[in-house]
Structures are given as structure tokens and as C-alpha cells.
Amino acid sequence: MIEEEKLESFNIPTYEPTIEEIRNVIREEGSFFIQELEIAIVPWDEGRNEDGDDDFVDENIRAEFIGRHTRAVMEPLLSVNFGAKVMDELFFRFQKKVVQLMEEERLEYANLVISLTKNCL
């Protein structure tokens, strides 16, 4: 569906620092005092079900929710590189992959929570 050259050249570099790395950068910069610094582990479909009955929700519905949110963030970047006409198929396949992954493991991401106070030195 897409040119192999485009796929091979596509790269989204990411770096996920540890809590200690973040803490050290804030301390070294010196403008803020850390009140609270923690990582909250959140399910990929957090916020989808207000009732909390996730045990009874179809995995396809959960995967659709995850797919829509992922598409909202990623589609602009992906469509520039691969073309808009492949986006429907790409996210359909992504949704199917999410269903498979949910059968094997709990899908979660880390959400960093930081509370800072400005240093008045």
C-alpha cells in the first residue's frame, strides 16, 4: 500500500527519561522546587467507560476507542509521509492489532505528574 522506501525512511525519534533524569534536570536548572513527581500508569482506554465496567466491555469497542484517539494524534504526521488515502486501512489494521494485544497483555502508558513551586532565590 505504501512505498517501501517511505516506510524505511520514516522515523519518529522518542526518548523516555527516567524519573531520576527528570528530577536531576529540574534541580540543575534551579528555577523550581519539586513538590511532587510521580508516574501514573494509565490504561490505553482510560476515560472510555465512565461506569468502570471494563470487564464486560467488548475488546473491539475498547480497540476502536484507542484507535480513534491514536488516529487523532498521529494521522497528520502519517498522512504527510504516506498519503491520506491509506489512513483508513492503516488505522483499521491498528485497531485489529490492539485487539490482539489486549488478549495477551494489559495495554498501559506512563503519565508523568509533576507539581512544582517557583524558587524565589
PDB file of N, CA and C in Angstrom:
ATOM      1  N   MET A   1       0.812  -1.207   0.000  1.00  0.00           N
ATOM      2  CA  MET A   1       0.000   0.000   0.000  1.00  0.00           C
ATOM      3  C   MET A   1       0.854   1.270   0.000  1.00  0.00           C
ATOM      4  N   ILE A   2       2.067   1.177   0.568  1.00  0.00           N
ATOM      5  CA  ILE A   2       2.961   2.332   0.558  1.00  0.00           C
ATOM      6  C   ILE A   2       4.311   1.897   0.018  1.00  0.00           C
ATOM      7  N   GLU A   3       5.060   2.870  -0.436  1.00  0.00           N
ATOM      8  CA  GLU A   3       6.377   2.561  -0.982  1.00  0.00           C
ATOM      9  C   GLU A   3       7.319   2.142   0.140  1.00  0.00           C
ATOM     10  N   GLU A   4       8.067   1.077  -0.123  1.00  0.00           N
ATOM     11  CA  GLU A   4       8.985   0.556   0.885  1.00  0.00           C
ATOM     12  C   GLU A   4      10.004   1.615   1.310  1.00  0.00           C
ATOM     13  N   GLU A   5      10.453   2.421   0.367  1.00  0.00           N
ATOM     14  CA  GLU A   5      11.423   3.471   0.670  1.00  0.00           C
ATOM     15  C   GLU A   5      10.874   4.465   1.696  1.00  0.00           C
ATOM     16  N   LYS A   6       9.584   4.817   1.545  1.00  0.00           N
ATOM     17  CA  LYS A   6       8.963   5.742   2.506  1.00  0.00           C
ATOM     18  C   LYS A   6       8.877   5.105   3.890  1.00  0.00           C
ATOM     19  N   LEU A   7       8.531   3.832   3.921  1.00  0.00           N
ATOM     20  CA  LEU A   7       8.429   3.127   5.194  1.00  0.00           C
ATOM     21  C   LEU A   7       9.791   3.041   5.874  1.00  0.00           C
ATOM     22  N   GLU A   8      10.815   2.677   5.121  1.00  0.00           N
ATOM     23  CA  GLU A   8      12.156   2.521   5.676  1.00  0.00           C
ATOM     24  C   GLU A   8      12.739   3.849   6.165  1.00  0.00           C
ATOM     25  N   SER A   9      12.361   4.945   5.534  1.00  0.00           N
ATOM     26  CA  SER A   9      12.917   6.244   5.924  1.00  0.00           C
ATOM     27  C   SER A   9      12.108   6.940   7.017  1.00  0.00           C
ATOM     28  N   PHE A  10      10.931   6.411   7.351  1.00  0.00           N
ATOM     29  CA  PHE A  10      10.083   7.032   8.360  1.00  0.00           C
ATOM     30  C   PHE A  10      10.626   6.749   9.748  1.00  0.00           C
ATOM     31  N   ASN A  11      10.705   7.788  10.565  1.00  0.00           N
ATOM     32  CA  ASN A  11      11.242   7.639  11.909  1.00  0.00           C
ATOM     33  C   ASN A  11      10.631   8.711  12.808  1.00  0.00           C
ATOM     34  N   ILE A  12      10.152   8.291  13.960  1.00  0.00           N
ATOM     35  CA  ILE A  12       9.700   9.227  14.982  1.00  0.00           C
ATOM     36  C   ILE A  12      10.595   8.983  16.190  1.00  0.00           C
ATOM     37  N   PRO A  13      11.680   9.761  16.308  1.00  0.00           N
ATOM     38  CA  PRO A  13      12.571   9.527  17.444  1.00  0.00           C
ATOM     39  C   PRO A  13      11.887   9.931  18.753  1.00  0.00           C
ATOM     40  N   THR A  14      11.980   9.066  19.727  1.00  0.00           N
ATOM     41  CA  THR A  14      11.413   9.366  21.036  1.00  0.00           C
ATOM     42  C   THR A  14      12.444   9.046  22.106  1.00  0.00           C
ATOM     43  N   TYR A  15      12.316   9.738  23.199  1.00  0.00           N
ATOM     44  CA  TYR A  15      13.177   9.477  24.349  1.00  0.00           C
ATOM     45  C   TYR A  15      12.302   9.552  25.583  1.00  0.00           C
ATOM     46  N   GLU A  16      12.338   8.530  26.393  1.00  0.00           N
ATOM     47  CA  GLU A  16      11.537   8.481  27.607  1.00  0.00           C
ATOM     48  C   GLU A  16      12.477   8.468  28.799  1.00  0.00           C
ATOM     49  N   PRO A  17      12.662   9.626  29.421  1.00  0.00           N
ATOM     50  CA  PRO A  17      13.603   9.700  30.545  1.00  0.00           C
ATOM     51  C   PRO A  17      13.050   9.010  31.787  1.00  0.00           C
ATOM     52  N   THR A  18      13.955   8.648  32.665  1.00  0.00           N
ATOM     53  CA  THR A  18      13.549   8.090  33.953  1.00  0.00           C
ATOM     54  C   THR A  18      13.127   9.234  34.873  1.00  0.00           C
ATOM     55  N   ILE A  19      12.468   8.893  35.962  1.00  0.00           N
ATOM     56  CA  ILE A  19      12.077   9.917  36.944  1.00  0.00           C
ATOM     57  C   ILE A  19      13.324  10.622  37.489  1.00  0.00           C
ATOM     58  N   GLU A  20      14.373   9.873  37.726  1.00  0.00           N
ATOM     59  CA  GLU A  20      15.596  10.487  38.258  1.00  0.00           C
ATOM     60  C   GLU A  20      16.210  11.471  37.262  1.00  0.00           C
ATOM     61  N   GLU A  21      16.180  11.148  35.973  1.00  0.00           N
ATOM     62  CA  GLU A  21      16.690  12.093  34.969  1.00  0.00           C
ATOM     63  C   GLU A  21      15.874  13.383  34.975  1.00  0.00           C
ATOM     64  N   ILE A  22      14.572  13.265  35.054  1.00  0.00           N
ATOM     65  CA  ILE A  22      13.703  14.446  35.093  1.00  0.00           C
ATOM     66  C   ILE A  22      13.977  15.253  36.357  1.00  0.00           C
ATOM     67  N   ARG A  23      14.048  14.558  37.483  1.00  0.00           N
ATOM     68  CA  ARG A  23      14.321  15.220  38.761  1.00  0.00           C
ATOM     69  C   ARG A  23      15.650  15.979  38.697  1.00  0.00           C
ATOM     70  N   ASN A  24      16.683  15.361  38.134  1.00  0.00           N
ATOM     71  CA  ASN A  24      18.001  15.997  38.039  1.00  0.00           C
ATOM     72  C   ASN A  24      17.978  17.227  37.138  1.00  0.00           C
ATOM     73  N   VAL A  25      17.286  17.159  36.019  1.00  0.00           N
ATOM     74  CA  VAL A  25      17.208  18.313  35.110  1.00  0.00           C
ATOM     75  C   VAL A  25      16.530  19.489  35.804  1.00  0.00           C
ATOM     76  N   ILE A  26      15.441  19.227  36.512  1.00  0.00           N
ATOM     77  CA  ILE A  26      14.723  20.301  37.221  1.00  0.00           C
ATOM     78  C   ILE A  26      15.610  20.894  38.310  1.00  0.00           C
ATOM     79  N   ARG A  27      16.282  20.054  39.059  1.00  0.00           N
ATOM     80  CA  ARG A  27      17.171  20.544  40.131  1.00  0.00           C
ATOM     81  C   ARG A  27      18.337  21.358  39.558  1.00  0.00           C
ATOM     82  N   GLU A  28      18.972  20.844  38.505  1.00  0.00           N
ATOM     83  CA  GLU A  28      20.118  21.531  37.904  1.00  0.00           C
ATOM     84  C   GLU A  28      19.726  22.884  37.325  1.00  0.00           C
ATOM     85  N   GLU A  29      18.539  22.971  36.735  1.00  0.00           N
ATOM     86  CA  GLU A  29      18.082  24.236  36.164  1.00  0.00           C
ATOM     87  C   GLU A  29      17.850  25.266  37.264  1.00  0.00           C
ATOM     88  N   GLY A  30      17.311  24.834  38.406  1.00  0.00           N
ATOM     89  CA  GLY A  30      17.253  25.656  39.594  1.00  0.00           C
ATOM     90  C   GLY A  30      16.084  26.611  39.770  1.00  0.00           C
ATOM     91  N   SER A  31      15.208  26.769  38.795  1.00  0.00           N
ATOM     92  CA  SER A  31      14.106  27.727  38.907  1.00  0.00           C
ATOM     93  C   SER A  31      12.928  27.206  39.717  1.00  0.00           C
ATOM     94  N   PHE A  32      12.852  25.903  39.906  1.00  0.00           N
ATOM     95  CA  PHE A  32      11.683  25.318  40.558  1.00  0.00           C
ATOM     96  C   PHE A  32      12.091  24.339  41.646  1.00  0.00           C
ATOM     97  N   PHE A  33      11.210  24.208  42.624  1.00  0.00           N
ATOM     98  CA  PHE A  33      11.317  23.203  43.674  1.00  0.00           C
ATOM     99  C   PHE A  33      10.275  22.136  43.380  1.00  0.00           C
ATOM    100  N   ILE A  34      10.655  20.895  43.439  1.00  0.00           N
ATOM    101  CA  ILE A  34       9.736  19.795  43.143  1.00  0.00           C
ATOM    102  C   ILE A  34       8.886  19.495  44.377  1.00  0.00           C
ATOM    103  N   GLN A  35       7.595  19.717  44.256  1.00  0.00           N
ATOM    104  CA  GLN A  35       6.655  19.370  45.318  1.00  0.00           C
ATOM    105  C   GLN A  35       6.283  17.883  45.224  1.00  0.00           C
ATOM    106  N   GLU A  36       6.001  17.451  43.998  1.00  0.00           N
ATOM    107  CA  GLU A  36       5.576  16.065  43.746  1.00  0.00           C
ATOM    108  C   GLU A  36       6.055  15.667  42.353  1.00  0.00           C
ATOM    109  N   LEU A  37       6.556  14.459  42.242  1.00  0.00           N
ATOM    110  CA  LEU A  37       6.996  13.935  40.950  1.00  0.00           C
ATOM    111  C   LEU A  37       6.735  12.437  40.961  1.00  0.00           C
ATOM    112  N   GLU A  38       5.800  12.009  40.130  1.00  0.00           N
ATOM    113  CA  GLU A  38       5.468  10.585  40.090  1.00  0.00           C
ATOM    114  C   GLU A  38       4.988  10.196  38.698  1.00  0.00           C
ATOM    115  N   ILE A  39       4.988   8.914  38.477  1.00  0.00           N
ATOM    116  CA  ILE A  39       4.468   8.366  37.232  1.00  0.00           C
ATOM    117  C   ILE A  39       3.188   7.604  37.555  1.00  0.00           C
ATOM    118  N   ALA A  40       2.127   7.947  36.844  1.00  0.00           N
ATOM    119  CA  ALA A  40       0.859   7.224  36.972  1.00  0.00           C
ATOM    120  C   ALA A  40       0.742   6.288  35.774  1.00  0.00           C
ATOM    121  N   ILE A  41       0.520   5.014  36.031  1.00  0.00           N
ATOM    122  CA  ILE A  41       0.333   4.037  34.964  1.00  0.00           C
ATOM    123  C   ILE A  41      -1.158   4.024  34.624  1.00  0.00           C
ATOM    124  N   VAL A  42      -1.468   4.302  33.352  1.00  0.00           N
ATOM    125  CA  VAL A  42      -2.845   4.504  32.913  1.00  0.00           C
ATOM    126  C   VAL A  42      -3.170   3.540  31.766  1.00  0.00           C
ATOM    127  N   PRO A  43      -4.329   2.889  31.797  1.00  0.00           N
ATOM    128  CA  PRO A  43      -4.738   2.038  30.666  1.00  0.00           C
ATOM    129  C   PRO A  43      -4.901   2.868  29.396  1.00  0.00           C
ATOM    130  N   TRP A  44      -4.597   2.277  28.241  1.00  0.00           N
ATOM    131  CA  TRP A  44      -4.736   2.978  26.961  1.00  0.00           C
ATOM    132  C   TRP A  44      -6.142   3.524  26.764  1.00  0.00           C
ATOM    133  N   ASP A  45      -7.129   2.836  27.277  1.00  0.00           N
ATOM    134  CA  ASP A  45      -8.514   3.278  27.059  1.00  0.00           C
ATOM    135  C   ASP A  45      -9.089   3.973  28.292  1.00  0.00           C
ATOM    136  N   GLU A  46      -8.237   4.567  29.102  1.00  0.00           N
ATOM    137  CA  GLU A  46      -8.685   5.306  30.288  1.00  0.00           C
ATOM    138  C   GLU A  46      -9.671   6.397  29.884  1.00  0.00           C
ATOM    139  N   GLY A  47     -10.754   6.502  30.623  1.00  0.00           N
ATOM    140  CA  GLY A  47     -11.756   7.527  30.351  1.00  0.00           C
ATOM    141  C   GLY A  47     -12.844   7.090  29.399  1.00  0.00           C
ATOM    142  N   ARG A  48     -12.709   5.921  28.790  1.00  0.00           N
ATOM    143  CA  ARG A  48     -13.697   5.446  27.836  1.00  0.00           C
ATOM    144  C   ARG A  48     -14.983   5.025  28.524  1.00  0.00           C
ATOM    145  N   ASN A  49     -14.853   4.334  29.638  1.00  0.00           N
ATOM    146  CA  ASN A  49     -16.037   3.806  30.309  1.00  0.00           C
ATOM    147  C   ASN A  49     -16.222   4.498  31.648  1.00  0.00           C
ATOM    148  N   GLU A  50     -17.197   5.343  31.728  1.00  0.00           N
ATOM    149  CA  GLU A  50     -17.463   6.103  32.946  1.00  0.00           C
ATOM    150  C   GLU A  50     -17.944   5.213  34.085  1.00  0.00           C
ATOM    151  N   ASP A  51     -18.582   4.076  33.777  1.00  0.00           N
ATOM    152  CA  ASP A  51     -19.152   3.208  34.799  1.00  0.00           C
ATOM    153  C   ASP A  51     -18.111   2.286  35.438  1.00  0.00           C
ATOM    154  N   GLY A  52     -16.956   2.145  34.807  1.00  0.00           N
ATOM    155  CA  GLY A  52     -15.926   1.275  35.344  1.00  0.00           C
ATOM    156  C   GLY A  52     -16.167  -0.198  35.102  1.00  0.00           C
ATOM    157  N   ASP A  53     -17.054  -0.553  34.180  1.00  0.00           N
ATOM    158  CA  ASP A  53     -17.352  -1.957  33.889  1.00  0.00           C
ATOM    159  C   ASP A  53     -16.508  -2.484  32.733  1.00  0.00           C
ATOM    160  N   ASP A  54     -15.212  -2.226  32.747  1.00  0.00           N
ATOM    161  CA  ASP A  54     -14.359  -2.642  31.639  1.00  0.00           C
ATOM    162  C   ASP A  54     -14.313  -4.147  31.456  1.00  0.00           C
ATOM    163  N   ASP A  55     -14.592  -4.912  32.522  1.00  0.00           N
ATOM    164  CA  ASP A  55     -14.558  -6.367  32.398  1.00  0.00           C
ATOM    165  C   ASP A  55     -15.644  -6.878  31.457  1.00  0.00           C
ATOM    166  N   PHE A  56     -16.710  -6.097  31.281  1.00  0.00           N
ATOM    167  CA  PHE A  56     -17.841  -6.538  30.472  1.00  0.00           C
ATOM    168  C   PHE A  56     -17.901  -5.863  29.102  1.00  0.00           C
ATOM    169  N   VAL A  57     -16.914  -5.047  28.766  1.00  0.00           N
ATOM    170  CA  VAL A  57     -16.912  -4.302  27.521  1.00  0.00           C
ATOM    171  C   VAL A  57     -16.175  -5.099  26.453  1.00  0.00           C
ATOM    172  N   ASP A  58     -16.757  -5.165  25.285  1.00  0.00           N
ATOM    173  CA  ASP A  58     -16.175  -5.851  24.134  1.00  0.00           C
ATOM    174  C   ASP A  58     -14.810  -5.240  23.801  1.00  0.00           C
ATOM    175  N   GLU A  59     -13.815  -6.098  23.566  1.00  0.00           N
ATOM    176  CA  GLU A  59     -12.474  -5.606  23.230  1.00  0.00           C
ATOM    177  C   GLU A  59     -12.458  -4.806  21.942  1.00  0.00           C
ATOM    178  N   ASN A  60     -13.362  -5.115  21.015  1.00  0.00           N
ATOM    179  CA  ASN A  60     -13.425  -4.347  19.766  1.00  0.00           C
ATOM    180  C   ASN A  60     -13.838  -2.901  20.024  1.00  0.00           C
ATOM    181  N   ILE A  61     -14.743  -2.698  20.979  1.00  0.00           N
ATOM    182  CA  ILE A  61     -15.172  -1.339  21.326  1.00  0.00           C
ATOM    183  C   ILE A  61     -14.019  -0.590  21.977  1.00  0.00           C
ATOM    184  N   ARG A  62     -13.303  -1.256  22.858  1.00  0.00           N
ATOM    185  CA  ARG A  62     -12.145  -0.637  23.503  1.00  0.00           C
ATOM    186  C   ARG A  62     -11.064  -0.311  22.472  1.00  0.00           C
ATOM    187  N   ALA A  63     -10.830  -1.223  21.533  1.00  0.00           N
ATOM    188  CA  ALA A  63      -9.821  -1.008  20.498  1.00  0.00           C
ATOM    189  C   ALA A  63     -10.225   0.139  19.576  1.00  0.00           C
ATOM    190  N   GLU A  64     -11.512   0.264  19.287  1.00  0.00           N
ATOM    191  CA  GLU A  64     -11.989   1.374  18.456  1.00  0.00           C
ATOM    192  C   GLU A  64     -11.728   2.707  19.161  1.00  0.00           C
ATOM    193  N   PHE A  65     -11.990   2.754  20.455  1.00  0.00           N
ATOM    194  CA  PHE A  65     -11.732   3.954  21.246  1.00  0.00           C
ATOM    195  C   PHE A  65     -10.246   4.331  21.177  1.00  0.00           C
ATOM    196  N   ILE A  66      -9.383   3.357  21.393  1.00  0.00           N
ATOM    197  CA  ILE A  66      -7.937   3.582  21.345  1.00  0.00           C
ATOM    198  C   ILE A  66      -7.516   4.017  19.950  1.00  0.00           C
ATOM    199  N   GLY A  67      -8.057   3.367  18.928  1.00  0.00           N
ATOM    200  CA  GLY A  67      -7.724   3.699  17.547  1.00  0.00           C
ATOM    201  C   GLY A  67      -8.109   5.120  17.171  1.00  0.00           C
ATOM    202  N   ARG A  68      -9.285   5.557  17.599  1.00  0.00           N
ATOM    203  CA  ARG A  68      -9.724   6.925  17.287  1.00  0.00           C
ATOM    204  C   ARG A  68      -8.817   7.959  17.933  1.00  0.00           C
ATOM    205  N   HIS A  69      -8.438   7.721  19.176  1.00  0.00           N
ATOM    206  CA  HIS A  69      -7.569   8.670  19.854  1.00  0.00           C
ATOM    207  C   HIS A  69      -6.160   8.671  19.271  1.00  0.00           C
ATOM    208  N   THR A  70      -5.664   7.513  18.933  1.00  0.00           N
ATOM    209  CA  THR A  70      -4.348   7.433  18.313  1.00  0.00           C
ATOM    210  C   THR A  70      -4.373   8.106  16.947  1.00  0.00           C
ATOM    211  N   ARG A  71      -5.438   7.889  16.200  1.00  0.00           N
ATOM    212  CA  ARG A  71      -5.563   8.500  14.875  1.00  0.00           C
ATOM    213  C   ARG A  71      -5.605  10.018  14.974  1.00  0.00           C
ATOM    214  N   ALA A  72      -6.303  10.549  15.965  1.00  0.00           N
ATOM    215  CA  ALA A  72      -6.392  11.998  16.126  1.00  0.00           C
ATOM    216  C   ALA A  72      -5.010  12.620  16.312  1.00  0.00           C
ATOM    217  N   VAL A  73      -4.129  11.914  16.974  1.00  0.00           N
ATOM    218  CA  VAL A  73      -2.790  12.433  17.235  1.00  0.00           C
ATOM    219  C   VAL A  73      -1.845  12.159  16.068  1.00  0.00           C
ATOM    220  N   MET A  74      -1.895  10.958  15.532  1.00  0.00           N
ATOM    221  CA  MET A  74      -0.880  10.516  14.570  1.00  0.00           C
ATOM    222  C   MET A  74      -1.210  10.752  13.100  1.00  0.00           C
ATOM    223  N   GLU A  75      -2.483  10.851  12.749  1.00  0.00           N
ATOM    224  CA  GLU A  75      -2.832  10.945  11.333  1.00  0.00           C
ATOM    225  C   GLU A  75      -2.176  12.119  10.605  1.00  0.00           C
ATOM    226  N   PRO A  76      -2.123  13.313  11.177  1.00  0.00           N
ATOM    227  CA  PRO A  76      -1.472  14.402  10.436  1.00  0.00           C
ATOM    228  C   PRO A  76      -0.017  14.088  10.073  1.00  0.00           C
ATOM    229  N   LEU A  77       0.716  13.517  10.981  1.00  0.00           N
ATOM    230  CA  LEU A  77       2.105  13.171  10.718  1.00  0.00           C
ATOM    231  C   LEU A  77       2.225  12.029   9.707  1.00  0.00           C
ATOM    232  N   LEU A  78       1.416  11.003   9.882  1.00  0.00           N
ATOM    233  CA  LEU A  78       1.489   9.844   8.993  1.00  0.00           C
ATOM    234  C   LEU A  78       1.004  10.157   7.580  1.00  0.00           C
ATOM    235  N   SER A  79      -0.048  10.941   7.454  1.00  0.00           N
ATOM    236  CA  SER A  79      -0.593  11.219   6.122  1.00  0.00           C
ATOM    237  C   SER A  79       0.356  12.079   5.294  1.00  0.00           C
ATOM    238  N   VAL A  80       1.128  12.939   5.937  1.00  0.00           N
ATOM    239  CA  VAL A  80       2.129  13.732   5.200  1.00  0.00           C
ATOM    240  C   VAL A  80       3.179  12.810   4.598  1.00  0.00           C
ATOM    241  N   ASN A  81       3.540  11.770   5.330  1.00  0.00           N
ATOM    242  CA  ASN A  81       4.593  10.871   4.864  1.00  0.00           C
ATOM    243  C   ASN A  81       4.100   9.765   3.938  1.00  0.00           C
ATOM    244  N   PHE A  82       2.879   9.269   4.175  1.00  0.00           N
ATOM    245  CA  PHE A  82       2.408   8.099   3.441  1.00  0.00           C
ATOM    246  C   PHE A  82       1.188   8.351   2.565  1.00  0.00           C
ATOM    247  N   GLY A  83       0.579   9.525   2.681  1.00  0.00           N
ATOM    248  CA  GLY A  83      -0.599   9.838   1.876  1.00  0.00           C
ATOM    249  C   GLY A  83      -1.893   9.578   2.632  1.00  0.00           C
ATOM    250  N   ALA A  84      -2.870  10.419   2.394  1.00  0.00           N
ATOM    251  CA  ALA A  84      -4.148  10.347   3.111  1.00  0.00           C
ATOM    252  C   ALA A  84      -4.965   9.118   2.739  1.00  0.00           C
ATOM    253  N   LYS A  85      -4.777   8.618   1.531  1.00  0.00           N
ATOM    254  CA  LYS A  85      -5.654   7.528   1.082  1.00  0.00           C
ATOM    255  C   LYS A  85      -5.397   6.197   1.789  1.00  0.00           C
ATOM    256  N   VAL A  86      -4.271   6.029   2.474  1.00  0.00           N
ATOM    257  CA  VAL A  86      -4.009   4.776   3.187  1.00  0.00           C
ATOM    258  C   VAL A  86      -4.393   4.838   4.669  1.00  0.00           C
ATOM    259  N   MET A  87      -4.829   5.988   5.139  1.00  0.00           N
ATOM    260  CA  MET A  87      -5.083   6.166   6.574  1.00  0.00           C
ATOM    261  C   MET A  87      -6.216   5.271   7.093  1.00  0.00           C
ATOM    262  N   ASP A  88      -7.304   5.140   6.360  1.00  0.00           N
ATOM    263  CA  ASP A  88      -8.404   4.292   6.825  1.00  0.00           C
ATOM    264  C   ASP A  88      -7.933   2.855   7.027  1.00  0.00           C
ATOM    265  N   GLU A  89      -7.221   2.319   6.070  1.00  0.00           N
ATOM    266  CA  GLU A  89      -6.729   0.940   6.166  1.00  0.00           C
ATOM    267  C   GLU A  89      -5.690   0.809   7.280  1.00  0.00           C
ATOM    268  N   LEU A  90      -4.817   1.780   7.407  1.00  0.00           N
ATOM    269  CA  LEU A  90      -3.794   1.749   8.443  1.00  0.00           C
ATOM    270  C   LEU A  90      -4.427   1.670   9.828  1.00  0.00           C
ATOM    271  N   PHE A  91      -5.404   2.523  10.099  1.00  0.00           N
ATOM    272  CA  PHE A  91      -5.992   2.530  11.428  1.00  0.00           C
ATOM    273  C   PHE A  91      -6.969   1.378  11.641  1.00  0.00           C
ATOM    274  N   PHE A  92      -7.523   0.829  10.580  1.00  0.00           N
ATOM    275  CA  PHE A  92      -8.298  -0.404  10.697  1.00  0.00           C
ATOM    276  C   PHE A  92      -7.378  -1.541  11.152  1.00  0.00           C
ATOM    277  N   ARG A  93      -6.213  -1.630  10.528  1.00  0.00           N
ATOM    278  CA  ARG A  93      -5.240  -2.660  10.917  1.00  0.00           C
ATOM    279  C   ARG A  93      -4.712  -2.422  12.330  1.00  0.00           C
ATOM    280  N   PHE A  94      -4.496  -1.172  12.659  1.00  0.00           N
ATOM    281  CA  PHE A  94      -4.052  -0.837  14.011  1.00  0.00           C
ATOM    282  C   PHE A  94      -5.076  -1.298  15.043  1.00  0.00           C
ATOM    283  N   GLN A  95      -6.340  -1.058  14.774  1.00  0.00           N
ATOM    284  CA  GLN A  95      -7.409  -1.464  15.687  1.00  0.00           C
ATOM    285  C   GLN A  95      -7.418  -2.989  15.864  1.00  0.00           C
ATOM    286  N   LYS A  96      -7.231  -3.727  14.774  1.00  0.00           N
ATOM    287  CA  LYS A  96      -7.175  -5.184  14.867  1.00  0.00           C
ATOM    288  C   LYS A  96      -5.973  -5.632  15.710  1.00  0.00           C
ATOM    289  N   LYS A  97      -4.853  -4.946  15.540  1.00  0.00           N
ATOM    290  CA  LYS A  97      -3.649  -5.274  16.304  1.00  0.00           C
ATOM    291  C   LYS A  97      -3.859  -4.989  17.791  1.00  0.00           C
ATOM    292  N   VAL A  98      -4.564  -3.910  18.105  1.00  0.00           N
ATOM    293  CA  VAL A  98      -4.856  -3.580  19.501  1.00  0.00           C
ATOM    294  C   VAL A  98      -5.690  -4.689  20.139  1.00  0.00           C
ATOM    295  N   VAL A  99      -6.678  -5.198  19.414  1.00  0.00           N
ATOM    296  CA  VAL A  99      -7.494  -6.306  19.934  1.00  0.00           C
ATOM    297  C   VAL A  99      -6.600  -7.500  20.250  1.00  0.00           C
ATOM    298  N   GLN A 100      -5.694  -7.841  19.336  1.00  0.00           N
ATOM    299  CA  GLN A 100      -4.775  -8.955  19.577  1.00  0.00           C
ATOM    300  C   GLN A 100      -3.909  -8.708  20.808  1.00  0.00           C
ATOM    301  N   LEU A 101      -3.387  -7.509  20.936  1.00  0.00           N
ATOM    302  CA  LEU A 101      -2.531  -7.180  22.075  1.00  0.00           C
ATOM    303  C   LEU A 101      -3.288  -7.237  23.398  1.00  0.00           C
ATOM    304  N   MET A 102      -4.558  -6.807  23.392  1.00  0.00           N
ATOM    305  CA  MET A 102      -5.362  -6.824  24.611  1.00  0.00           C
ATOM    306  C   MET A 102      -5.598  -8.252  25.090  1.00  0.00           C
ATOM    307  N   GLU A 103      -5.600  -9.209  24.179  1.00  0.00           N
ATOM    308  CA  GLU A 103      -5.765 -10.610  24.561  1.00  0.00           C
ATOM    309  C   GLU A 103      -4.525 -11.136  25.279  1.00  0.00           C
ATOM    310  N   GLU A 104      -3.359 -10.547  24.977  1.00  0.00           N
ATOM    311  CA  GLU A 104      -2.095 -11.018  25.521  1.00  0.00           C
ATOM    312  C   GLU A 104      -1.646 -10.258  26.765  1.00  0.00           C
ATOM    313  N   GLU A 105      -1.998  -8.981  26.858  1.00  0.00           N
ATOM    314  CA  GLU A 105      -1.494  -8.167  27.955  1.00  0.00           C
ATOM    315  C   GLU A 105      -2.387  -6.957  28.198  1.00  0.00           C
ATOM    316  N   ARG A 106      -2.155  -6.317  29.315  1.00  0.00           N
ATOM    317  CA  ARG A 106      -2.866  -5.080  29.634  1.00  0.00           C
ATOM    318  C   ARG A 106      -2.099  -3.926  28.986  1.00  0.00           C
ATOM    319  N   LEU A 107      -2.779  -3.118  28.190  1.00  0.00           N
ATOM    320  CA  LEU A 107      -2.137  -2.016  27.483  1.00  0.00           C
ATOM    321  C   LEU A 107      -2.177  -0.760  28.348  1.00  0.00           C
ATOM    322  N   GLU A 108      -0.992  -0.264  28.674  1.00  0.00           N
ATOM    323  CA  GLU A 108      -0.876   0.885  29.558  1.00  0.00           C
ATOM    324  C   GLU A 108       0.199   1.841  29.041  1.00  0.00           C
ATOM    325  N   TYR A 109       0.122   3.069  29.501  1.00  0.00           N
ATOM    326  CA  TYR A 109       1.175   4.043  29.241  1.00  0.00           C
ATOM    327  C   TYR A 109       1.476   4.789  30.525  1.00  0.00           C
ATOM    328  N   ALA A 110       2.624   5.420  30.565  1.00  0.00           N
ATOM    329  CA  ALA A 110       3.033   6.177  31.746  1.00  0.00           C
ATOM    330  C   ALA A 110       2.655   7.638  31.552  1.00  0.00           C
ATOM    331  N   ASN A 111       2.055   8.209  32.585  1.00  0.00           N
ATOM    332  CA  ASN A 111       1.667   9.609  32.573  1.00  0.00           C
ATOM    333  C   ASN A 111       2.419  10.299  33.698  1.00  0.00           C
ATOM    334  N   LEU A 112       3.267  11.241  33.344  1.00  0.00           N
ATOM    335  CA  LEU A 112       4.089  11.928  34.321  1.00  0.00           C
ATOM    336  C   LEU A 112       3.291  13.033  35.012  1.00  0.00           C
ATOM    337  N   VAL A 113       3.348  13.040  36.342  1.00  0.00           N
ATOM    338  CA  VAL A 113       2.644  14.048  37.132  1.00  0.00           C
ATOM    339  C   VAL A 113       3.706  14.820  37.927  1.00  0.00           C
ATOM    340  N   ILE A 114       3.782  16.140  37.670  1.00  0.00           N
ATOM    341  CA  ILE A 114       4.784  16.965  38.356  1.00  0.00           C
ATOM    342  C   ILE A 114       4.091  18.187  38.945  1.00  0.00           C
ATOM    343  N   SER A 115       4.376  18.442  40.203  1.00  0.00           N
ATOM    344  CA  SER A 115       3.920  19.658  40.864  1.00  0.00           C
ATOM    345  C   SER A 115       5.170  20.439  41.272  1.00  0.00           C
ATOM    346  N   LEU A 116       5.281  21.670  40.768  1.00  0.00           N
ATOM    347  CA  LEU A 116       6.464  22.496  41.015  1.00  0.00           C
ATOM    348  C   LEU A 116       6.090  23.795  41.699  1.00  0.00           C
ATOM    349  N   THR A 117       7.016  24.325  42.467  1.00  0.00           N
ATOM    350  CA  THR A 117       6.888  25.655  43.058  1.00  0.00           C
ATOM    351  C   THR A 117       8.094  26.471  42.588  1.00  0.00           C
ATOM    352  N   LYS A 118       7.841  27.699  42.173  1.00  0.00           N
ATOM    353  CA  LYS A 118       8.930  28.556  41.700  1.00  0.00           C
ATOM    354  C   LYS A 118       9.858  28.904  42.864  1.00  0.00           C
ATOM    355  N   ASN A 119      11.153  28.716  42.618  1.00  0.00           N
ATOM    356  CA  ASN A 119      12.150  29.114  43.617  1.00  0.00           C
ATOM    357  C   ASN A 119      12.241  30.622  43.654  1.00  0.00           C
ATOM    358  N   CYS A 120      12.313  31.208  44.821  1.00  0.00           N
ATOM    359  CA  CYS A 120      12.378  32.665  44.957  1.00  0.00           C
ATOM    360  C   CYS A 120      13.743  33.099  45.433  1.00  0.00           C
ATOM    361  N   LEU A 121      14.774  32.427  44.984  1.00  0.00           N
ATOM    362  CA  LEU A 121      16.145  32.781  45.416  1.00  0.00           C
ATOM    363  C   LEU A 121      16.707  33.920  44.652  1.00  0.00           C
TER     364      LEU A 121
END
